[in-house]
Protein backbone atom coordinates (compact mmCIF):
# COMPACT_ATOMS: atom_id res chain seq x y z
CA UNK A 1 -20.53 -259.77 -114.42
CA UNK A 2 -22.49 -261.31 -111.48
CA UNK A 3 -20.05 -262.41 -108.68
CA UNK A 4 -20.37 -265.73 -107.19
CA UNK A 5 -22.37 -266.53 -104.36
CA UNK A 6 -20.69 -266.59 -100.78
CA UNK A 7 -20.08 -270.14 -99.22
CA UNK A 8 -18.56 -271.07 -95.80
CA UNK A 9 -14.75 -270.78 -95.73
CA UNK A 10 -14.77 -267.82 -98.46
CA UNK A 11 -12.72 -264.73 -97.77
CA UNK A 12 -14.34 -261.44 -97.36
CA UNK A 13 -12.33 -258.10 -96.92
CA UNK A 14 -13.46 -255.50 -94.41
CA UNK A 15 -12.70 -251.84 -95.54
CA UNK A 16 -13.37 -248.42 -94.39
CA UNK A 17 -13.78 -246.19 -97.34
CA UNK A 18 -15.44 -243.41 -95.74
CA UNK A 19 -15.09 -242.58 -92.05
CA UNK A 20 -13.60 -244.36 -89.13
CA UNK A 21 -15.54 -246.98 -87.34
CA UNK A 22 -15.11 -247.96 -83.69
CA UNK A 23 -12.91 -251.14 -83.01
CA UNK A 24 -15.72 -252.37 -81.08
CA UNK A 25 -17.93 -252.31 -84.29
CA UNK A 26 -15.40 -253.86 -86.36
CA UNK A 27 -14.98 -256.68 -84.22
CA UNK A 28 -18.75 -257.26 -83.92
CA UNK A 29 -18.93 -257.28 -87.72
CA UNK A 30 -15.92 -259.60 -87.98
CA UNK A 31 -17.71 -262.24 -85.48
CA UNK A 32 -21.00 -261.73 -87.52
CA UNK A 33 -19.29 -262.76 -90.67
CA UNK A 34 -17.21 -265.34 -89.13
CA UNK A 35 -20.28 -266.85 -87.65
CA UNK A 36 -21.52 -267.34 -91.12
CA UNK A 37 -18.26 -269.35 -91.72
CA UNK A 38 -16.59 -266.48 -93.62
CA UNK A 39 -13.04 -265.93 -93.61
CA UNK A 40 -12.45 -262.26 -92.49
CA UNK A 41 -9.72 -260.10 -93.61
CA UNK A 42 -9.64 -256.52 -91.82
CA UNK A 43 -8.03 -253.90 -94.15
CA UNK A 44 -4.82 -252.50 -92.98
CA UNK A 45 -6.05 -249.11 -92.73
CA UNK A 46 -9.59 -249.93 -91.56
CA UNK A 47 -9.19 -248.06 -88.13
CA UNK A 48 -7.03 -245.37 -89.45
CA UNK A 49 -7.94 -241.88 -88.66
CA UNK A 50 -7.58 -238.61 -90.87
CA UNK A 51 -9.79 -235.80 -90.05
CA UNK A 52 -13.00 -237.06 -90.61
CA UNK A 53 -11.81 -239.79 -93.01
CA UNK A 54 -10.89 -243.43 -92.19
CA UNK A 55 -6.98 -242.42 -93.07
CA UNK A 56 -5.74 -240.83 -96.25
CA UNK A 57 -7.47 -240.95 -99.70
CA UNK A 58 -4.22 -243.21 -100.82
CA UNK A 59 -4.51 -245.37 -97.86
CA UNK A 60 -8.53 -245.86 -98.22
CA UNK A 61 -8.14 -246.64 -101.73
CA UNK A 62 -5.31 -249.02 -101.26
CA UNK A 63 -7.30 -251.32 -99.20
CA UNK A 64 -10.18 -251.01 -101.33
CA UNK A 65 -7.92 -251.97 -104.38
CA UNK A 66 -6.14 -254.75 -102.31
CA UNK A 67 -9.64 -256.47 -101.64
CA UNK A 68 -10.64 -255.94 -105.14
CA UNK A 69 -7.31 -257.49 -106.61
CA UNK A 70 -7.43 -260.37 -104.12
CA UNK A 71 -8.64 -263.29 -106.53
CA UNK A 72 -9.41 -265.31 -103.50
CA UNK A 73 -11.85 -262.77 -102.03
CA UNK A 74 -15.61 -263.11 -102.69
CA UNK A 75 -16.92 -259.95 -101.16
CA UNK A 76 -15.59 -256.67 -100.07
CA UNK A 77 -17.89 -255.35 -97.02
CA UNK A 78 -17.73 -251.51 -95.55
CA UNK A 79 -17.27 -251.28 -91.95
CA UNK A 80 -19.42 -248.09 -92.01
CA UNK A 81 -20.59 -244.79 -94.05
CA UNK A 82 -19.75 -241.33 -93.07
CA UNK A 83 -18.13 -239.17 -95.52
CA UNK A 84 -15.42 -239.32 -97.97
CA UNK A 85 -15.93 -242.42 -100.10
CA UNK A 86 -16.67 -240.12 -102.92
CA UNK A 87 -12.98 -238.89 -102.88
CA UNK A 88 -11.88 -242.22 -103.85
CA UNK A 89 -14.48 -243.62 -106.24
CA UNK A 90 -12.49 -242.77 -109.40
CA UNK A 91 -9.47 -244.74 -107.95
CA UNK A 92 -10.91 -248.24 -107.86
CA UNK A 93 -9.23 -250.67 -109.96
CA UNK A 94 -12.15 -251.47 -112.43
CA UNK A 95 -10.04 -253.84 -114.58
CA UNK A 96 -9.53 -256.01 -111.17
CA UNK A 97 -13.37 -255.83 -110.44
CA UNK A 98 -14.08 -256.91 -113.92
CA UNK A 99 -11.27 -259.66 -113.66
CA UNK A 100 -12.55 -260.87 -110.15
CA UNK A 101 -15.91 -259.91 -109.68
CA UNK A 102 -17.21 -259.65 -105.91
CA UNK A 103 -19.99 -258.03 -104.17
CA UNK A 104 -19.52 -254.68 -102.54
CA UNK A 105 -21.71 -254.51 -99.42
CA UNK A 106 -22.63 -251.21 -97.89
CA UNK A 107 -25.00 -248.27 -98.17
CA UNK A 108 -25.29 -244.52 -97.31
CA UNK A 109 -21.79 -243.06 -98.38
CA UNK A 110 -20.85 -246.24 -99.86
CA UNK A 111 -23.58 -245.87 -102.63
CA UNK A 112 -21.01 -243.84 -104.52
CA UNK A 113 -18.65 -247.02 -104.76
CA UNK A 114 -21.18 -249.14 -106.04
CA UNK A 115 -22.51 -246.74 -108.71
CA UNK A 116 -18.97 -246.45 -109.91
CA UNK A 117 -18.27 -249.91 -110.07
CA UNK A 118 -21.70 -250.44 -111.97
CA UNK A 119 -20.89 -247.92 -114.13
CA UNK A 120 -17.24 -248.91 -115.01
CA UNK A 121 -17.42 -252.43 -114.50
CA UNK A 122 -21.01 -253.40 -114.98
CA UNK A 123 -20.45 -255.44 -111.46
CA UNK A 124 -23.65 -255.53 -109.27
CA UNK A 125 -23.44 -254.72 -105.44
CA UNK A 126 -25.68 -254.96 -102.34
CA UNK A 127 -27.09 -252.09 -100.68
CA UNK A 128 -27.10 -252.85 -96.83
CA UNK A 129 -25.30 -252.69 -93.71
CA UNK A 130 -23.33 -255.69 -92.48
CA UNK A 131 -22.15 -253.76 -89.45
CA UNK A 132 -23.36 -253.07 -85.92
CA UNK A 133 -25.85 -251.95 -84.72
CA UNK A 134 -27.99 -253.08 -87.44
CA UNK A 135 -27.91 -256.83 -86.54
CA UNK A 136 -31.62 -256.98 -85.87
CA UNK A 137 -32.93 -260.41 -87.18
CA UNK A 138 -34.67 -259.04 -90.44
CA UNK A 139 -31.79 -257.14 -91.46
CA UNK A 140 -29.09 -259.70 -90.94
CA UNK A 141 -31.15 -262.40 -92.52
CA UNK A 142 -31.28 -260.26 -95.40
CA UNK A 143 -27.59 -259.86 -95.84
CA UNK A 144 -27.14 -263.48 -95.28
CA UNK A 145 -29.68 -264.24 -98.34
CA UNK A 146 -28.12 -261.83 -100.48
CA UNK A 147 -24.83 -263.05 -100.12
CA UNK A 148 -25.30 -266.92 -99.75
CA UNK A 149 -28.17 -267.46 -102.28
CA UNK A 150 -29.33 -266.58 -105.66
CA UNK A 151 -33.04 -266.19 -104.41
CA UNK A 152 -34.87 -263.29 -105.63
CA UNK A 153 -35.16 -260.44 -102.93
CA UNK A 154 -38.89 -259.66 -102.10
CA UNK A 155 -39.72 -256.60 -100.36
CA UNK A 156 -43.28 -255.44 -99.38
CA UNK A 157 -43.70 -251.84 -98.52
CA UNK A 158 -44.63 -250.94 -95.05
CA UNK A 159 -47.71 -248.79 -94.56
CA UNK A 160 -45.91 -247.35 -91.36
CA UNK A 161 -43.10 -245.70 -93.35
CA UNK A 162 -43.83 -242.02 -94.07
CA UNK A 163 -42.85 -242.50 -97.80
CA UNK A 164 -45.53 -244.99 -98.28
CA UNK A 165 -47.81 -242.18 -99.06
CA UNK A 166 -45.80 -241.61 -102.22
CA UNK A 167 -47.25 -244.98 -103.87
CA UNK A 168 -49.15 -244.52 -107.04
CA UNK A 169 -50.05 -247.36 -109.35
CA UNK A 170 -48.70 -249.45 -112.22
CA UNK A 171 -45.70 -252.05 -112.81
CA UNK A 172 -42.28 -251.20 -114.20
CA UNK A 173 -39.38 -253.73 -114.90
CA UNK A 174 -35.87 -252.59 -115.58
CA UNK A 175 -32.51 -252.76 -113.52
CA UNK A 176 -32.40 -251.35 -109.96
CA UNK A 177 -30.08 -248.52 -109.64
CA UNK A 178 -29.39 -246.05 -107.08
CA UNK A 179 -29.40 -245.93 -103.14
CA UNK A 180 -28.38 -242.56 -101.22
CA UNK A 181 -30.03 -239.73 -102.79
CA UNK A 182 -26.86 -237.74 -101.80
CA UNK A 183 -24.45 -239.98 -103.56
CA UNK A 184 -26.53 -240.30 -106.58
CA UNK A 185 -26.42 -236.57 -107.05
CA UNK A 186 -22.78 -236.40 -106.03
CA UNK A 187 -21.93 -239.18 -108.78
CA UNK A 188 -23.96 -237.23 -111.50
CA UNK A 189 -21.42 -236.21 -114.32
CA UNK A 190 -18.81 -238.51 -113.65
CA UNK A 191 -19.56 -241.87 -112.12
CA UNK A 192 -23.47 -242.42 -112.15
CA UNK A 193 -24.52 -244.93 -114.69
CA UNK A 194 -26.94 -244.23 -117.39
CA UNK A 195 -30.44 -244.60 -116.01
CA UNK A 196 -32.34 -245.16 -119.20
CA UNK A 197 -34.45 -247.98 -118.50
CA UNK A 198 -33.82 -248.60 -114.81
CA UNK A 199 -35.73 -248.14 -111.69
CA UNK A 200 -34.34 -245.72 -109.50
CA UNK A 201 -33.90 -246.51 -105.53
CA UNK A 202 -33.64 -243.36 -103.46
CA UNK A 203 -33.06 -242.94 -99.64
CA UNK A 204 -31.40 -240.72 -97.28
CA UNK A 205 -30.67 -239.26 -93.92
CA UNK A 206 -30.53 -236.08 -92.09
CA UNK A 207 -31.16 -233.75 -95.04
CA UNK A 208 -33.09 -230.64 -95.10
CA UNK A 209 -35.84 -230.17 -97.57
CA UNK A 210 -34.18 -227.49 -99.60
CA UNK A 211 -31.12 -230.01 -100.04
CA UNK A 212 -33.36 -232.66 -101.26
CA UNK A 213 -35.12 -230.67 -103.75
CA UNK A 214 -32.17 -228.98 -105.36
CA UNK A 215 -30.51 -232.48 -105.79
CA UNK A 216 -33.79 -234.02 -107.47
CA UNK A 217 -34.07 -230.88 -109.62
CA UNK A 218 -30.40 -230.75 -110.82
CA UNK A 219 -31.04 -234.59 -111.67
CA UNK A 220 -33.77 -234.09 -113.63
CA UNK A 221 -32.82 -230.79 -115.47
CA UNK A 222 -29.56 -232.05 -116.22
CA UNK A 223 -31.25 -235.25 -118.13
CA UNK A 224 -29.88 -237.83 -115.70
CA UNK A 225 -33.42 -239.04 -114.92
CA UNK A 226 -34.29 -239.26 -118.61
CA UNK A 227 -35.60 -242.63 -119.54
CA UNK A 228 -36.09 -244.23 -115.96
CA UNK A 229 -39.26 -246.49 -115.69
CA UNK A 230 -39.98 -246.36 -112.03
CA UNK A 231 -38.72 -244.88 -108.80
CA UNK A 232 -38.56 -246.97 -105.52
CA UNK A 233 -38.46 -244.93 -102.35
CA UNK A 234 -36.95 -246.12 -99.14
CA UNK A 235 -36.41 -244.35 -95.73
CA UNK A 236 -35.84 -240.68 -95.41
CA UNK A 237 -34.70 -240.83 -91.87
CA UNK A 238 -34.75 -237.34 -89.99
CA UNK A 239 -35.18 -235.58 -93.16
CA UNK A 240 -37.37 -232.59 -92.52
CA UNK A 241 -37.88 -228.77 -92.22
CA UNK A 242 -35.62 -226.89 -89.69
CA UNK A 243 -36.24 -223.57 -88.06
CA UNK A 244 -35.55 -221.57 -91.07
CA UNK A 245 -38.19 -223.46 -93.36
CA UNK A 246 -41.24 -221.53 -94.65
CA UNK A 247 -44.44 -223.35 -95.12
CA UNK A 248 -45.86 -226.57 -94.11
CA UNK A 249 -44.33 -229.26 -96.39
CA UNK A 250 -42.69 -232.15 -95.36
CA UNK A 251 -40.28 -234.40 -97.16
CA UNK A 252 -43.04 -236.51 -98.61
CA UNK A 253 -44.38 -233.18 -100.19
CA UNK A 254 -41.05 -232.25 -101.83
CA UNK A 255 -40.42 -235.88 -102.89
CA UNK A 256 -43.79 -236.03 -104.34
CA UNK A 257 -43.38 -232.66 -106.18
CA UNK A 258 -40.37 -233.83 -107.78
CA UNK A 259 -40.88 -237.30 -108.36
CA UNK A 260 -44.59 -237.31 -110.12
CA UNK A 261 -43.37 -235.07 -112.62
CA UNK A 262 -41.36 -238.09 -114.05
CA UNK A 263 -44.72 -239.84 -115.07
CA UNK A 264 -43.90 -243.26 -113.96
CA UNK A 265 -44.88 -245.73 -110.88
CA UNK A 266 -43.61 -244.67 -107.81
CA UNK A 267 -43.60 -247.28 -104.92
CA UNK A 268 -42.81 -245.66 -101.45
CA UNK A 269 -42.61 -247.19 -97.91
CA UNK A 270 -39.78 -249.61 -98.63
CA UNK A 271 -37.77 -250.67 -95.70
CA UNK A 272 -34.49 -249.67 -97.44
CA UNK A 273 -32.12 -246.99 -95.79
CA UNK A 274 -31.27 -245.58 -92.47
CA UNK A 275 -34.62 -246.33 -90.48
CA UNK A 276 -35.71 -249.23 -88.63
CA UNK A 277 -34.80 -252.62 -89.75
CA UNK A 278 -33.52 -251.85 -93.18
CA UNK A 279 -33.52 -254.50 -95.85
CA UNK A 280 -30.62 -255.53 -98.00
CA UNK A 281 -31.07 -255.20 -101.83
CA UNK A 282 -29.11 -256.14 -104.73
CA UNK A 283 -28.27 -252.97 -106.93
CA UNK A 284 -27.41 -253.27 -110.63
CA UNK A 285 -29.81 -256.46 -111.05
CA UNK A 286 -32.98 -256.79 -112.91
CA UNK A 287 -36.16 -255.99 -110.77
CA UNK A 288 -39.94 -255.52 -110.84
CA UNK A 289 -41.59 -252.68 -109.12
CA UNK A 290 -45.50 -253.46 -108.58
CA UNK A 291 -46.92 -250.42 -107.20
CA UNK A 292 -50.34 -251.84 -107.15
CA UNK A 293 -49.27 -254.63 -105.01
CA UNK A 294 -46.91 -252.75 -102.94
CA UNK A 295 -44.04 -254.85 -103.82
CA UNK A 296 -40.41 -254.75 -105.14
CA UNK A 297 -38.71 -257.88 -106.50
CA UNK A 298 -35.12 -257.89 -107.16
CA UNK A 299 -33.02 -260.76 -109.00
CA UNK A 300 -29.95 -261.81 -107.09
CA UNK A 301 -26.51 -259.82 -107.14
CA UNK A 302 -24.56 -262.98 -107.33
CA UNK A 303 -24.70 -266.35 -109.27
């Protein structure tokens, strides 16, 4: 179900499936996409506000489905993450997504929508931010390449990333599935794809050690991690102990304790997530994880 790659003149939809972005951020994102030669359509409810959400569930789902149903559109791009995308992940028009496949671009909270599209429609997506302020050259170039080319995405681990200490050895081949850990755990049991034979991608932001530990324990004990062939670990930004945490463990210690039990190659230190210069990566595409070389190679999400 690979969507077509983007070309200048193609239409894309900007939607807000979670929290409300600023008008300035949406304008900057629209300019970024327009400068790539794309025709940008901003969702009717993209700037709505309803509590901590960008409008009601009905309105946010309506914008998403309008984009999925538009046969002329080539991509759906989230304006931001935040909270609340999980409330509409079961309301996507999966028939339309299969009939007119298009990539969904976003990360963080948007992970759950990408998992739902993969689970119900077999449609790959792009884990990455096309929104301000993440327009440094490395990040924006990776978004451009992921949308406009069919070239493999090759990511070299960074030794400066704290999760680099998790890297083991070995090579694994499988479909790359995952993204934000919180959304993976939230999707378990209702829109999390079967991970058997998959390489699991993990990243998160602003979580405490117990939260991370509980989620990974639940995923393993419930059988959701059975059959995975490798783990790719990105940035765990702002994750660590708080004033109530006993002991001297860091987030790396928690991840090591939970992930090494799976007995598969682990590649950490990947610049994917909420940290500095995050790279865009295809989700739902074939990948090779080479822990020995510190490299993750993913086939394109588009054709």
